[in-house]
Amino acid sequence: MTNDHTNNPHYSRTDTTHLHVSDAEWKKILPADLYAVAREQATERAFTGQYWDADTKGTYYCAVCGNTLFKSDAKFASSCGWPSFFEAIRPNSVIYRDDNSHGMHRTEVLCGRCESHLGHIFDDGPPPSYKRFCMNSISLDFEPGIASK
């Protein structure tokens, strides 16, 4: 496990129940930098996150709630400076929301369990999906090993 979640009673790698937690409670539980990205839609600077160029086999989880998000087999080198995946591990592991911030129209990707901001999705990825899930490293936990199904 990448982060210490001892102060987070909502963190679980097995529970997929949708969470209803206020931002005020998340602010008490989460480190400030994770809170800024996950709950306030901030973005880490390109080429600075710990996973942008990682190629270790394993599974990526939501750093806020522990929801399983991506397997390393779906990760690819996109050269954008953030970890990129061509598909989520299961259809409901992430959800989508229109994002019209910063004068652009994009599709925001949120954790399907806690609705924390993970990043954005674009239509310039590789086959088979042609999607690029451009995620913030800080929003992800990683466990090395065989990528779980």
N, C-alpha and C. Protein backbone atom coordinates (compact mmCIF):
# COMPACT_ATOMS: atom_id res chain seq x y z
N MET A 1 0.84 -1.17 0.00
CA MET A 1 0.00 0.00 0.00
C MET A 1 0.89 1.24 0.00
N THR A 2 0.55 2.20 -0.83
CA THR A 2 1.36 3.39 -0.99
C THR A 2 1.22 4.36 0.18
N ASN A 3 0.00 4.62 0.61
CA ASN A 3 -0.25 5.62 1.65
C ASN A 3 -0.72 4.97 2.93
N ASP A 4 -0.59 5.72 4.01
CA ASP A 4 -1.07 5.28 5.30
C ASP A 4 -2.54 5.73 5.44
N HIS A 5 -3.43 4.78 5.59
CA HIS A 5 -4.86 5.10 5.66
C HIS A 5 -5.44 4.82 7.03
N THR A 6 -4.61 4.80 8.06
CA THR A 6 -5.09 4.45 9.41
C THR A 6 -6.11 5.45 9.94
N ASN A 7 -6.08 6.70 9.49
CA ASN A 7 -7.04 7.71 9.95
C ASN A 7 -8.26 7.83 9.05
N ASN A 8 -8.38 6.94 8.07
CA ASN A 8 -9.48 7.00 7.12
C ASN A 8 -10.39 5.79 7.30
N PRO A 9 -11.50 5.93 8.01
CA PRO A 9 -12.39 4.80 8.25
C PRO A 9 -13.15 4.35 7.00
N HIS A 10 -13.09 5.12 5.92
CA HIS A 10 -13.82 4.80 4.70
C HIS A 10 -12.97 4.02 3.70
N TYR A 11 -11.68 3.88 3.96
CA TYR A 11 -10.77 3.23 3.02
C TYR A 11 -10.94 1.72 3.09
N SER A 12 -11.23 1.11 1.93
CA SER A 12 -11.37 -0.34 1.86
C SER A 12 -11.06 -0.80 0.44
N ARG A 13 -10.27 -1.84 0.33
CA ARG A 13 -9.96 -2.42 -0.98
C ARG A 13 -11.03 -3.43 -1.41
N THR A 14 -11.98 -3.76 -0.55
CA THR A 14 -12.99 -4.78 -0.86
C THR A 14 -14.42 -4.23 -0.90
N ASP A 15 -14.71 -3.18 -0.15
CA ASP A 15 -16.07 -2.64 -0.09
C ASP A 15 -16.31 -1.77 -1.33
N THR A 16 -17.37 -2.06 -2.06
CA THR A 16 -17.70 -1.27 -3.25
C THR A 16 -18.94 -0.42 -3.04
N THR A 17 -19.44 -0.36 -1.80
CA THR A 17 -20.62 0.43 -1.48
C THR A 17 -20.33 1.91 -1.73
N HIS A 18 -21.26 2.58 -2.41
CA HIS A 18 -21.09 4.00 -2.69
C HIS A 18 -21.05 4.79 -1.38
N LEU A 19 -20.09 5.68 -1.27
CA LEU A 19 -19.91 6.48 -0.05
C LEU A 19 -20.61 7.83 -0.16
N HIS A 20 -21.15 8.29 0.95
CA HIS A 20 -21.75 9.61 1.05
C HIS A 20 -21.06 10.31 2.22
N VAL A 21 -19.93 10.93 1.92
CA VAL A 21 -19.10 11.58 2.94
C VAL A 21 -18.98 13.05 2.55
N SER A 22 -19.17 13.94 3.49
CA SER A 22 -19.09 15.37 3.20
C SER A 22 -17.64 15.79 2.93
N ASP A 23 -17.49 16.87 2.17
CA ASP A 23 -16.15 17.40 1.94
C ASP A 23 -15.50 17.84 3.25
N ALA A 24 -16.31 18.31 4.18
CA ALA A 24 -15.77 18.72 5.49
C ALA A 24 -15.13 17.53 6.20
N GLU A 25 -15.78 16.36 6.12
CA GLU A 25 -15.20 15.17 6.74
C GLU A 25 -13.95 14.72 6.00
N TRP A 26 -14.01 14.73 4.65
CA TRP A 26 -12.81 14.35 3.87
C TRP A 26 -11.64 15.28 4.21
N LYS A 27 -11.94 16.56 4.41
CA LYS A 27 -10.87 17.52 4.71
C LYS A 27 -10.17 17.18 6.02
N LYS A 28 -10.91 16.63 6.98
CA LYS A 28 -10.33 16.22 8.27
C LYS A 28 -9.47 14.96 8.12
N ILE A 29 -9.81 14.11 7.18
CA ILE A 29 -9.19 12.79 7.04
C ILE A 29 -7.99 12.78 6.10
N LEU A 30 -8.11 13.49 4.98
CA LEU A 30 -7.12 13.39 3.90
C LEU A 30 -5.96 14.37 4.07
N PRO A 31 -4.76 13.99 3.60
CA PRO A 31 -3.66 14.96 3.54
C PRO A 31 -4.07 16.13 2.63
N ALA A 32 -3.56 17.31 2.91
CA ALA A 32 -3.97 18.53 2.19
C ALA A 32 -3.77 18.42 0.69
N ASP A 33 -2.65 17.86 0.25
CA ASP A 33 -2.40 17.78 -1.19
C ASP A 33 -3.36 16.82 -1.88
N LEU A 34 -3.70 15.72 -1.25
CA LEU A 34 -4.68 14.79 -1.81
C LEU A 34 -6.07 15.41 -1.80
N TYR A 35 -6.42 16.09 -0.73
CA TYR A 35 -7.72 16.76 -0.65
C TYR A 35 -7.87 17.78 -1.79
N ALA A 36 -6.84 18.56 -2.05
CA ALA A 36 -6.89 19.58 -3.10
C ALA A 36 -7.20 18.97 -4.47
N VAL A 37 -6.58 17.85 -4.79
CA VAL A 37 -6.82 17.21 -6.08
C VAL A 37 -8.14 16.45 -6.07
N ALA A 38 -8.34 15.61 -5.07
CA ALA A 38 -9.49 14.70 -5.05
C ALA A 38 -10.82 15.41 -4.82
N ARG A 39 -10.83 16.43 -4.00
CA ARG A 39 -12.11 17.06 -3.63
C ARG A 39 -12.27 18.45 -4.21
N GLU A 40 -11.17 19.11 -4.61
CA GLU A 40 -11.25 20.47 -5.17
C GLU A 40 -10.82 20.52 -6.64
N GLN A 41 -10.63 19.38 -7.26
CA GLN A 41 -10.29 19.25 -8.68
C GLN A 41 -9.00 19.96 -9.08
N ALA A 42 -8.05 20.04 -8.16
CA ALA A 42 -6.72 20.57 -8.51
C ALA A 42 -6.03 19.53 -9.40
N THR A 43 -4.90 19.90 -9.96
CA THR A 43 -4.14 18.98 -10.81
C THR A 43 -2.68 19.06 -10.42
N GLU A 44 -2.04 17.90 -10.29
CA GLU A 44 -0.61 17.92 -10.02
C GLU A 44 0.12 18.32 -11.30
N ARG A 45 1.29 18.90 -11.16
CA ARG A 45 2.06 19.32 -12.33
C ARG A 45 2.50 18.10 -13.14
N ALA A 46 2.52 18.26 -14.44
CA ALA A 46 2.95 17.18 -15.34
C ALA A 46 4.37 16.74 -15.00
N PHE A 47 4.63 15.46 -15.15
CA PHE A 47 5.94 14.83 -14.95
C PHE A 47 6.44 14.89 -13.51
N THR A 48 5.54 15.12 -12.54
CA THR A 48 5.97 15.19 -11.15
C THR A 48 5.39 14.06 -10.30
N GLY A 49 4.30 13.46 -10.70
CA GLY A 49 3.66 12.41 -9.91
C GLY A 49 4.46 11.12 -9.94
N GLN A 50 4.31 10.31 -8.92
CA GLN A 50 5.14 9.11 -8.80
C GLN A 50 4.81 8.02 -9.81
N TYR A 51 3.65 8.08 -10.47
CA TYR A 51 3.29 6.98 -11.38
C TYR A 51 3.30 7.35 -12.86
N TRP A 52 3.62 8.57 -13.22
CA TRP A 52 3.48 8.98 -14.62
C TRP A 52 4.30 8.10 -15.56
N ASP A 53 5.46 7.63 -15.13
CA ASP A 53 6.28 6.78 -16.01
C ASP A 53 6.55 5.41 -15.41
N ALA A 54 5.79 5.02 -14.41
CA ALA A 54 5.98 3.71 -13.77
C ALA A 54 5.52 2.59 -14.69
N ASP A 55 6.27 1.48 -14.66
CA ASP A 55 5.86 0.34 -15.49
C ASP A 55 5.82 -0.96 -14.69
N THR A 56 5.75 -0.86 -13.38
CA THR A 56 5.67 -2.03 -12.52
C THR A 56 4.28 -2.65 -12.64
N LYS A 57 4.21 -3.97 -12.67
CA LYS A 57 2.93 -4.68 -12.74
C LYS A 57 2.22 -4.58 -11.40
N GLY A 58 0.91 -4.44 -11.44
CA GLY A 58 0.12 -4.37 -10.23
C GLY A 58 -1.23 -3.73 -10.47
N THR A 59 -1.82 -3.24 -9.40
CA THR A 59 -3.18 -2.68 -9.43
C THR A 59 -3.20 -1.29 -8.82
N TYR A 60 -3.96 -0.41 -9.45
CA TYR A 60 -4.13 0.97 -8.98
C TYR A 60 -5.49 1.12 -8.32
N TYR A 61 -5.50 1.79 -7.16
CA TYR A 61 -6.69 2.00 -6.35
C TYR A 61 -6.90 3.48 -6.12
N CYS A 62 -8.12 3.86 -5.76
CA CYS A 62 -8.40 5.24 -5.36
C CYS A 62 -7.68 5.51 -4.05
N ALA A 63 -6.89 6.57 -4.00
CA ALA A 63 -6.13 6.92 -2.79
C ALA A 63 -7.05 7.45 -1.69
N VAL A 64 -8.27 7.82 -2.03
CA VAL A 64 -9.21 8.34 -1.04
C VAL A 64 -9.98 7.21 -0.36
N CYS A 65 -10.51 6.26 -1.16
CA CYS A 65 -11.41 5.25 -0.58
C CYS A 65 -10.97 3.80 -0.78
N GLY A 66 -9.96 3.55 -1.62
CA GLY A 66 -9.48 2.19 -1.83
C GLY A 66 -10.16 1.44 -2.96
N ASN A 67 -11.08 2.07 -3.66
CA ASN A 67 -11.79 1.43 -4.77
C ASN A 67 -10.79 1.00 -5.86
N THR A 68 -10.95 -0.21 -6.38
CA THR A 68 -10.09 -0.69 -7.45
C THR A 68 -10.41 0.06 -8.74
N LEU A 69 -9.38 0.63 -9.40
CA LEU A 69 -9.59 1.47 -10.57
C LEU A 69 -9.00 0.93 -11.86
N PHE A 70 -7.71 0.62 -11.85
CA PHE A 70 -7.01 0.25 -13.08
C PHE A 70 -6.02 -0.87 -12.79
N LYS A 71 -5.75 -1.68 -13.80
CA LYS A 71 -4.66 -2.64 -13.70
C LYS A 71 -3.51 -2.14 -14.57
N SER A 72 -2.32 -2.51 -14.20
CA SER A 72 -1.13 -2.02 -14.91
C SER A 72 -1.12 -2.46 -16.37
N ASP A 73 -1.80 -3.55 -16.70
CA ASP A 73 -1.86 -4.01 -18.10
C ASP A 73 -2.57 -3.00 -19.00
N ALA A 74 -3.36 -2.10 -18.42
CA ALA A 74 -4.07 -1.09 -19.19
C ALA A 74 -3.33 0.25 -19.19
N LYS A 75 -2.16 0.31 -18.58
CA LYS A 75 -1.36 1.54 -18.52
C LYS A 75 -0.48 1.63 -19.75
N PHE A 76 -0.31 2.82 -20.27
CA PHE A 76 0.55 3.00 -21.44
C PHE A 76 1.32 4.32 -21.33
N ALA A 77 2.42 4.41 -22.05
CA ALA A 77 3.25 5.61 -22.06
C ALA A 77 2.64 6.61 -23.04
N SER A 78 2.03 7.65 -22.50
CA SER A 78 1.36 8.63 -23.37
C SER A 78 2.20 9.88 -23.58
N SER A 79 3.25 10.06 -22.81
CA SER A 79 4.12 11.23 -22.88
C SER A 79 3.42 12.52 -22.47
N CYS A 80 2.27 12.42 -21.79
CA CYS A 80 1.56 13.63 -21.37
C CYS A 80 2.01 14.11 -20.00
N GLY A 81 2.74 13.26 -19.25
CA GLY A 81 3.22 13.65 -17.94
C GLY A 81 2.39 13.17 -16.78
N TRP A 82 1.31 12.46 -17.06
CA TRP A 82 0.46 11.87 -16.03
C TRP A 82 0.27 10.40 -16.35
N PRO A 83 -0.01 9.56 -15.35
CA PRO A 83 -0.28 8.15 -15.66
C PRO A 83 -1.51 8.04 -16.55
N SER A 84 -1.39 7.23 -17.58
CA SER A 84 -2.47 7.08 -18.56
C SER A 84 -2.86 5.62 -18.72
N PHE A 85 -4.15 5.38 -18.82
CA PHE A 85 -4.71 4.04 -18.95
C PHE A 85 -5.70 4.05 -20.11
N PHE A 86 -5.87 2.90 -20.78
CA PHE A 86 -6.84 2.85 -21.87
C PHE A 86 -8.19 2.29 -21.43
N GLU A 87 -8.28 1.74 -20.22
CA GLU A 87 -9.57 1.29 -19.72
C GLU A 87 -9.53 1.15 -18.20
N ALA A 88 -10.71 1.32 -17.60
CA ALA A 88 -10.86 1.09 -16.16
C ALA A 88 -11.01 -0.41 -15.94
N ILE A 89 -10.80 -0.85 -14.71
CA ILE A 89 -10.81 -2.27 -14.40
C ILE A 89 -12.21 -2.88 -14.53
N ARG A 90 -13.26 -2.08 -14.28
CA ARG A 90 -14.64 -2.52 -14.48
C ARG A 90 -15.48 -1.28 -14.79
N PRO A 91 -16.60 -1.45 -15.46
CA PRO A 91 -17.38 -0.28 -15.90
C PRO A 91 -17.78 0.69 -14.79
N ASN A 92 -18.14 0.21 -13.62
CA ASN A 92 -18.61 1.11 -12.57
C ASN A 92 -17.51 1.53 -11.60
N SER A 93 -16.26 1.23 -11.88
CA SER A 93 -15.19 1.66 -10.99
C SER A 93 -14.94 3.15 -11.10
N VAL A 94 -15.30 3.74 -12.23
CA VAL A 94 -15.21 5.19 -12.41
C VAL A 94 -16.54 5.71 -12.96
N ILE A 95 -16.76 6.99 -12.74
CA ILE A 95 -17.92 7.67 -13.32
C ILE A 95 -17.42 8.93 -14.01
N TYR A 96 -18.29 9.53 -14.80
CA TYR A 96 -17.89 10.66 -15.64
C TYR A 96 -18.80 11.86 -15.39
N ARG A 97 -18.21 13.05 -15.56
CA ARG A 97 -18.96 14.28 -15.39
C ARG A 97 -18.41 15.31 -16.38
N ASP A 98 -19.30 16.10 -16.97
CA ASP A 98 -18.86 17.19 -17.84
C ASP A 98 -18.06 18.19 -17.02
N ASP A 99 -16.98 18.69 -17.60
CA ASP A 99 -16.12 19.67 -16.94
C ASP A 99 -15.89 20.81 -17.93
N ASN A 100 -16.44 21.96 -17.63
CA ASN A 100 -16.29 23.14 -18.49
C ASN A 100 -15.39 24.19 -17.87
N SER A 101 -14.51 23.77 -16.97
CA SER A 101 -13.60 24.71 -16.31
C SER A 101 -12.45 25.11 -17.23
N HIS A 102 -11.82 26.20 -16.88
CA HIS A 102 -10.62 26.69 -17.58
C HIS A 102 -10.87 26.95 -19.07
N GLY A 103 -12.11 27.28 -19.43
CA GLY A 103 -12.44 27.60 -20.81
C GLY A 103 -12.39 26.43 -21.77
N MET A 104 -12.44 25.22 -21.24
CA MET A 104 -12.40 24.01 -22.08
C MET A 104 -13.60 23.13 -21.76
N HIS A 105 -13.96 22.28 -22.72
CA HIS A 105 -14.95 21.24 -22.44
C HIS A 105 -14.20 19.92 -22.38
N ARG A 106 -14.24 19.29 -21.19
CA ARG A 106 -13.57 18.00 -21.00
C ARG A 106 -14.52 17.08 -20.25
N THR A 107 -14.11 15.82 -20.14
CA THR A 107 -14.86 14.86 -19.35
C THR A 107 -14.02 14.48 -18.15
N GLU A 108 -14.53 14.81 -16.98
CA GLU A 108 -13.85 14.50 -15.72
C GLU A 108 -14.10 13.04 -15.36
N VAL A 109 -13.07 12.39 -14.80
CA VAL A 109 -13.19 11.02 -14.32
C VAL A 109 -13.15 11.07 -12.79
N LEU A 110 -14.17 10.44 -12.19
CA LEU A 110 -14.28 10.39 -10.73
C LEU A 110 -14.32 8.94 -10.28
N CYS A 111 -13.90 8.72 -9.06
CA CYS A 111 -14.01 7.39 -8.47
C CYS A 111 -15.49 7.03 -8.36
N GLY A 112 -15.83 5.83 -8.78
CA GLY A 112 -17.21 5.38 -8.74
C GLY A 112 -17.73 5.12 -7.34
N ARG A 113 -16.85 5.03 -6.37
CA ARG A 113 -17.26 4.75 -4.99
C ARG A 113 -17.39 6.03 -4.16
N CYS A 114 -16.39 6.93 -4.24
CA CYS A 114 -16.40 8.12 -3.37
C CYS A 114 -16.55 9.42 -4.14
N GLU A 115 -16.58 9.35 -5.47
CA GLU A 115 -16.72 10.51 -6.34
C GLU A 115 -15.60 11.52 -6.20
N SER A 116 -14.41 11.04 -5.89
CA SER A 116 -13.23 11.91 -5.85
C SER A 116 -12.68 12.10 -7.26
N HIS A 117 -12.15 13.28 -7.51
CA HIS A 117 -11.55 13.62 -8.81
C HIS A 117 -10.29 12.79 -9.02
N LEU A 118 -10.22 12.12 -10.17
CA LEU A 118 -9.04 11.34 -10.54
C LEU A 118 -8.27 12.01 -11.67
N GLY A 119 -8.98 12.62 -12.60
CA GLY A 119 -8.36 13.22 -13.78
C GLY A 119 -9.40 13.42 -14.86
N HIS A 120 -8.99 13.24 -16.12
CA HIS A 120 -9.89 13.42 -17.26
C HIS A 120 -9.68 12.29 -18.27
N ILE A 121 -10.66 12.12 -19.15
CA ILE A 121 -10.56 11.11 -20.21
C ILE A 121 -10.60 11.81 -21.56
N PHE A 122 -9.78 11.30 -22.48
CA PHE A 122 -9.67 11.88 -23.82
C PHE A 122 -9.79 10.76 -24.86
N ASP A 123 -10.10 11.14 -26.09
CA ASP A 123 -10.30 10.17 -27.17
C ASP A 123 -9.05 9.95 -28.02
N ASP A 124 -7.87 10.06 -27.43
CA ASP A 124 -6.63 9.90 -28.20
C ASP A 124 -5.75 8.77 -27.67
N GLY A 125 -6.37 7.76 -27.09
CA GLY A 125 -5.62 6.63 -26.55
C GLY A 125 -5.42 5.52 -27.57
N PRO A 126 -4.74 4.47 -27.16
CA PRO A 126 -4.45 3.36 -28.07
C PRO A 126 -5.64 2.38 -28.17
N PRO A 127 -5.60 1.46 -29.15
CA PRO A 127 -6.60 0.40 -29.20
C PRO A 127 -6.49 -0.45 -27.94
N PRO A 128 -7.49 -1.11 -27.48
CA PRO A 128 -8.75 -1.30 -28.18
C PRO A 128 -9.78 -0.21 -27.91
N SER A 129 -9.60 0.61 -26.91
CA SER A 129 -10.64 1.58 -26.53
C SER A 129 -10.47 2.94 -27.18
N TYR A 130 -9.23 3.27 -27.57
CA TYR A 130 -8.89 4.59 -28.11
C TYR A 130 -9.16 5.70 -27.09
N LYS A 131 -9.18 5.35 -25.82
CA LYS A 131 -9.38 6.29 -24.73
C LYS A 131 -8.08 6.48 -23.98
N ARG A 132 -7.91 7.68 -23.41
CA ARG A 132 -6.77 7.94 -22.53
C ARG A 132 -7.30 8.50 -21.22
N PHE A 133 -7.28 7.66 -20.20
CA PHE A 133 -7.61 8.09 -18.85
C PHE A 133 -6.35 8.76 -18.31
N CYS A 134 -6.34 10.07 -18.25
CA CYS A 134 -5.19 10.85 -17.80
C CYS A 134 -5.41 11.17 -16.32
N MET A 135 -4.73 10.44 -15.44
CA MET A 135 -5.00 10.48 -14.01
C MET A 135 -3.91 11.21 -13.23
N ASN A 136 -4.26 11.75 -12.09
CA ASN A 136 -3.31 12.34 -11.17
C ASN A 136 -2.71 11.23 -10.31
N SER A 137 -1.40 11.15 -10.25
CA SER A 137 -0.75 10.13 -9.42
C SER A 137 -1.20 10.20 -7.97
N ILE A 138 -1.37 11.41 -7.45
CA ILE A 138 -1.71 11.56 -6.04
C ILE A 138 -3.08 10.95 -5.73
N SER A 139 -3.95 10.85 -6.72
CA SER A 139 -5.28 10.26 -6.52
C SER A 139 -5.24 8.74 -6.55
N LEU A 140 -4.06 8.17 -6.80
CA LEU A 140 -3.93 6.72 -6.95
C LEU A 140 -3.04 6.12 -5.86
N ASP A 141 -3.43 4.93 -5.43
CA ASP A 141 -2.56 4.05 -4.64
C ASP A 141 -2.19 2.91 -5.56
N PHE A 142 -1.05 2.33 -5.33
CA PHE A 142 -0.59 1.24 -6.18
C PHE A 142 -0.12 0.09 -5.32
N GLU A 143 -0.50 -1.11 -5.71
CA GLU A 143 0.00 -2.31 -5.07
C GLU A 143 0.66 -3.17 -6.14
N PRO A 144 1.98 -3.36 -6.03
CA PRO A 144 2.67 -4.20 -7.01
C PRO A 144 2.24 -5.65 -6.90
N GLY A 145 2.39 -6.35 -7.99
CA GLY A 145 2.04 -7.77 -8.04
C GLY A 145 1.31 -8.05 -9.33
N ILE A 146 0.65 -9.16 -9.36
CA ILE A 146 -0.14 -9.51 -10.52
C ILE A 146 -1.37 -8.62 -10.52
N ALA A 147 -1.62 -7.96 -11.64
CA ALA A 147 -2.77 -7.05 -11.72
C ALA A 147 -4.05 -7.83 -11.48
N SER A 148 -4.86 -7.38 -10.51
CA SER A 148 -6.09 -8.07 -10.17
C SER A 148 -7.14 -7.85 -11.25
N LYS A 149 -8.04 -8.79 -11.34
CA LYS A 149 -9.12 -8.70 -12.34
C LYS A 149 -10.28 -7.90 -11.78
